[in-house]
Amino acid sequence: MKPGEEPGKVLHYQTFGMNALCHPIACCYGHYDSHNPGRLPGFGRLIEERIRHPIGGTWTWGYSNFELPP
């Protein structure tokens, strides 16, 4: 967390680490193909099917850049 952020309000992640985890999991469920990444829906669809829809959840997401101190 960054200074001033409240727990549970913002999630920051490092893209490489998330890819290293999410792609193999999505692959196991048939939602990702490393040879042709655009062919299948990907990890986001897996999360929708396995978590969001069963619990009736809703959420939004977005991409942004932020300044990191040296």
N, C-alpha and C. Protein backbone atom coordinates (compact mmCIF):
# COMPACT_ATOMS: atom_id res chain seq x y z
N MET A 1 0.83 -1.18 0.00
CA MET A 1 0.00 0.00 0.00
C MET A 1 0.87 1.24 0.00
N LYS A 2 0.32 2.29 -0.53
CA LYS A 2 1.01 3.57 -0.54
C LYS A 2 0.53 4.39 0.65
N PRO A 3 1.33 5.37 1.07
CA PRO A 3 0.91 6.21 2.18
C PRO A 3 -0.45 6.86 1.90
N GLY A 4 -1.33 6.84 2.87
CA GLY A 4 -2.64 7.45 2.73
C GLY A 4 -3.71 6.55 2.16
N GLU A 5 -3.37 5.34 1.72
CA GLU A 5 -4.38 4.43 1.18
C GLU A 5 -4.95 3.55 2.28
N GLU A 6 -6.24 3.31 2.20
CA GLU A 6 -6.91 2.49 3.19
C GLU A 6 -6.92 1.03 2.76
N PRO A 7 -6.76 0.12 3.71
CA PRO A 7 -6.82 -1.31 3.37
C PRO A 7 -8.16 -1.66 2.72
N GLY A 8 -8.11 -2.49 1.70
CA GLY A 8 -9.32 -2.95 1.02
C GLY A 8 -9.92 -1.98 0.04
N LYS A 9 -9.32 -0.82 -0.17
CA LYS A 9 -9.88 0.18 -1.07
C LYS A 9 -9.19 0.19 -2.43
N VAL A 10 -7.90 -0.10 -2.49
CA VAL A 10 -7.13 -0.04 -3.73
C VAL A 10 -6.21 -1.25 -3.80
N LEU A 11 -6.09 -1.82 -4.98
CA LEU A 11 -5.17 -2.94 -5.19
C LEU A 11 -4.16 -2.53 -6.25
N HIS A 12 -2.91 -2.57 -5.90
CA HIS A 12 -1.83 -2.33 -6.86
C HIS A 12 -1.13 -3.66 -7.07
N TYR A 13 -0.80 -3.99 -8.29
CA TYR A 13 -0.09 -5.22 -8.54
C TYR A 13 0.96 -4.99 -9.61
N GLN A 14 1.89 -5.86 -9.63
CA GLN A 14 2.97 -5.82 -10.61
C GLN A 14 2.58 -6.75 -11.74
N THR A 15 2.50 -6.24 -12.95
CA THR A 15 1.95 -6.97 -14.08
C THR A 15 2.66 -8.29 -14.34
N PHE A 16 3.99 -8.32 -14.31
CA PHE A 16 4.69 -9.56 -14.60
C PHE A 16 4.30 -10.66 -13.62
N GLY A 17 4.25 -10.32 -12.35
CA GLY A 17 3.88 -11.31 -11.33
C GLY A 17 2.47 -11.83 -11.53
N MET A 18 1.55 -10.94 -11.88
CA MET A 18 0.17 -11.35 -12.12
C MET A 18 0.09 -12.24 -13.35
N ASN A 19 0.83 -11.91 -14.40
CA ASN A 19 0.83 -12.74 -15.61
C ASN A 19 1.41 -14.11 -15.33
N ALA A 20 2.48 -14.15 -14.54
CA ALA A 20 3.12 -15.43 -14.23
C ALA A 20 2.17 -16.35 -13.47
N LEU A 21 1.22 -15.79 -12.75
CA LEU A 21 0.26 -16.59 -12.00
C LEU A 21 -1.04 -16.81 -12.78
N CYS A 22 -1.58 -15.76 -13.37
CA CYS A 22 -2.89 -15.82 -14.01
C CYS A 22 -2.92 -16.64 -15.30
N HIS A 23 -1.90 -16.51 -16.12
CA HIS A 23 -1.90 -17.24 -17.39
C HIS A 23 -1.93 -18.75 -17.20
N PRO A 24 -1.10 -19.33 -16.32
CA PRO A 24 -1.18 -20.79 -16.15
C PRO A 24 -2.51 -21.25 -15.57
N ILE A 25 -3.08 -20.48 -14.65
CA ILE A 25 -4.37 -20.86 -14.08
C ILE A 25 -5.45 -20.82 -15.16
N ALA A 26 -5.48 -19.75 -15.95
CA ALA A 26 -6.46 -19.65 -17.03
C ALA A 26 -6.25 -20.76 -18.06
N CYS A 27 -5.01 -21.14 -18.29
CA CYS A 27 -4.68 -22.23 -19.22
C CYS A 27 -5.29 -23.54 -18.73
N CYS A 28 -5.19 -23.80 -17.45
CA CYS A 28 -5.74 -25.04 -16.88
C CYS A 28 -7.25 -25.14 -17.06
N TYR A 29 -7.93 -24.00 -17.08
CA TYR A 29 -9.38 -23.98 -17.24
C TYR A 29 -9.81 -23.77 -18.69
N GLY A 30 -8.84 -23.75 -19.61
CA GLY A 30 -9.17 -23.60 -21.03
C GLY A 30 -9.52 -22.18 -21.44
N HIS A 31 -9.05 -21.18 -20.68
CA HIS A 31 -9.37 -19.78 -20.98
C HIS A 31 -8.18 -19.00 -21.53
N TYR A 32 -7.05 -19.64 -21.71
CA TYR A 32 -5.86 -18.94 -22.20
C TYR A 32 -5.00 -19.90 -23.00
N ASP A 33 -4.43 -19.40 -24.09
CA ASP A 33 -3.53 -20.19 -24.94
C ASP A 33 -2.28 -19.35 -25.17
N SER A 34 -1.16 -19.76 -24.61
CA SER A 34 0.07 -18.97 -24.72
C SER A 34 0.58 -18.87 -26.15
N HIS A 35 0.19 -19.81 -27.00
CA HIS A 35 0.60 -19.76 -28.40
C HIS A 35 -0.23 -18.76 -29.21
N ASN A 36 -1.44 -18.48 -28.74
CA ASN A 36 -2.33 -17.53 -29.42
C ASN A 36 -3.18 -16.83 -28.36
N PRO A 37 -2.61 -15.86 -27.62
CA PRO A 37 -3.30 -15.24 -26.49
C PRO A 37 -4.64 -14.59 -26.83
N GLY A 38 -4.82 -14.09 -28.02
CA GLY A 38 -6.08 -13.44 -28.37
C GLY A 38 -7.21 -14.39 -28.71
N ARG A 39 -6.91 -15.67 -28.83
CA ARG A 39 -7.91 -16.65 -29.25
C ARG A 39 -8.95 -16.96 -28.17
N LEU A 40 -8.55 -16.95 -26.92
CA LEU A 40 -9.44 -17.32 -25.82
C LEU A 40 -9.72 -16.10 -24.92
N PRO A 41 -10.77 -16.16 -24.10
CA PRO A 41 -11.18 -14.98 -23.33
C PRO A 41 -10.23 -14.54 -22.22
N GLY A 42 -9.42 -15.43 -21.67
CA GLY A 42 -8.44 -15.03 -20.66
C GLY A 42 -8.92 -15.15 -19.23
N PHE A 43 -8.06 -14.71 -18.33
CA PHE A 43 -8.28 -14.86 -16.89
C PHE A 43 -9.48 -14.05 -16.40
N GLY A 44 -9.72 -12.90 -16.99
CA GLY A 44 -10.87 -12.09 -16.58
C GLY A 44 -12.17 -12.84 -16.69
N ARG A 45 -12.35 -13.57 -17.76
CA ARG A 45 -13.57 -14.36 -17.95
C ARG A 45 -13.65 -15.47 -16.91
N LEU A 46 -12.52 -16.08 -16.60
CA LEU A 46 -12.50 -17.14 -15.58
C LEU A 46 -12.97 -16.58 -14.24
N ILE A 47 -12.48 -15.40 -13.86
CA ILE A 47 -12.89 -14.77 -12.61
C ILE A 47 -14.39 -14.46 -12.62
N GLU A 48 -14.88 -13.98 -13.75
CA GLU A 48 -16.32 -13.71 -13.85
C GLU A 48 -17.13 -14.98 -13.64
N GLU A 49 -16.76 -16.05 -14.34
CA GLU A 49 -17.52 -17.30 -14.28
C GLU A 49 -17.43 -17.99 -12.92
N ARG A 50 -16.24 -18.00 -12.34
CA ARG A 50 -16.01 -18.78 -11.11
C ARG A 50 -16.23 -18.00 -9.81
N ILE A 51 -16.13 -16.68 -9.86
CA ILE A 51 -16.26 -15.91 -8.62
C ILE A 51 -17.38 -14.87 -8.70
N ARG A 52 -17.29 -13.95 -9.66
CA ARG A 52 -18.24 -12.83 -9.68
C ARG A 52 -19.68 -13.27 -9.89
N HIS A 53 -19.96 -14.06 -10.93
CA HIS A 53 -21.33 -14.47 -11.20
C HIS A 53 -21.93 -15.32 -10.08
N PRO A 54 -21.22 -16.34 -9.56
CA PRO A 54 -21.81 -17.15 -8.49
C PRO A 54 -22.19 -16.37 -7.23
N ILE A 55 -21.45 -15.32 -6.90
CA ILE A 55 -21.76 -14.56 -5.69
C ILE A 55 -22.59 -13.31 -5.98
N GLY A 56 -22.91 -13.09 -7.27
CA GLY A 56 -23.69 -11.92 -7.64
C GLY A 56 -22.91 -10.62 -7.49
N GLY A 57 -21.60 -10.72 -7.64
CA GLY A 57 -20.74 -9.56 -7.44
C GLY A 57 -20.70 -8.63 -8.65
N THR A 58 -20.38 -7.38 -8.37
CA THR A 58 -20.15 -6.40 -9.42
C THR A 58 -18.91 -5.61 -9.04
N TRP A 59 -18.15 -5.20 -10.03
CA TRP A 59 -17.00 -4.35 -9.79
C TRP A 59 -16.56 -3.73 -11.09
N THR A 60 -15.71 -2.75 -10.96
CA THR A 60 -15.14 -2.10 -12.13
C THR A 60 -13.62 -2.18 -12.02
N TRP A 61 -12.95 -1.88 -13.09
CA TRP A 61 -11.50 -1.89 -13.09
C TRP A 61 -11.01 -0.83 -14.05
N GLY A 62 -9.76 -0.51 -13.96
CA GLY A 62 -9.19 0.48 -14.86
C GLY A 62 -7.68 0.39 -14.86
N TYR A 63 -7.10 0.93 -15.89
CA TYR A 63 -5.65 0.98 -16.00
C TYR A 63 -5.19 2.40 -15.70
N SER A 64 -4.12 2.53 -14.98
CA SER A 64 -3.57 3.87 -14.75
C SER A 64 -2.09 3.74 -14.40
N ASN A 65 -1.39 4.81 -14.58
CA ASN A 65 0.01 4.89 -14.19
C ASN A 65 0.11 5.80 -12.97
N PHE A 66 1.08 5.56 -12.16
CA PHE A 66 1.28 6.41 -11.00
C PHE A 66 2.77 6.62 -10.78
N GLU A 67 3.10 7.72 -10.17
CA GLU A 67 4.50 8.05 -9.91
C GLU A 67 5.01 7.26 -8.72
N LEU A 68 6.16 6.67 -8.87
CA LEU A 68 6.81 5.96 -7.77
C LEU A 68 8.01 6.77 -7.31
N PRO A 69 8.19 6.89 -6.00
CA PRO A 69 9.37 7.60 -5.53
C PRO A 69 10.62 6.82 -5.89
N PRO A 70 11.75 7.52 -6.04
CA PRO A 70 12.99 6.82 -6.41
C PRO A 70 13.43 5.81 -5.35
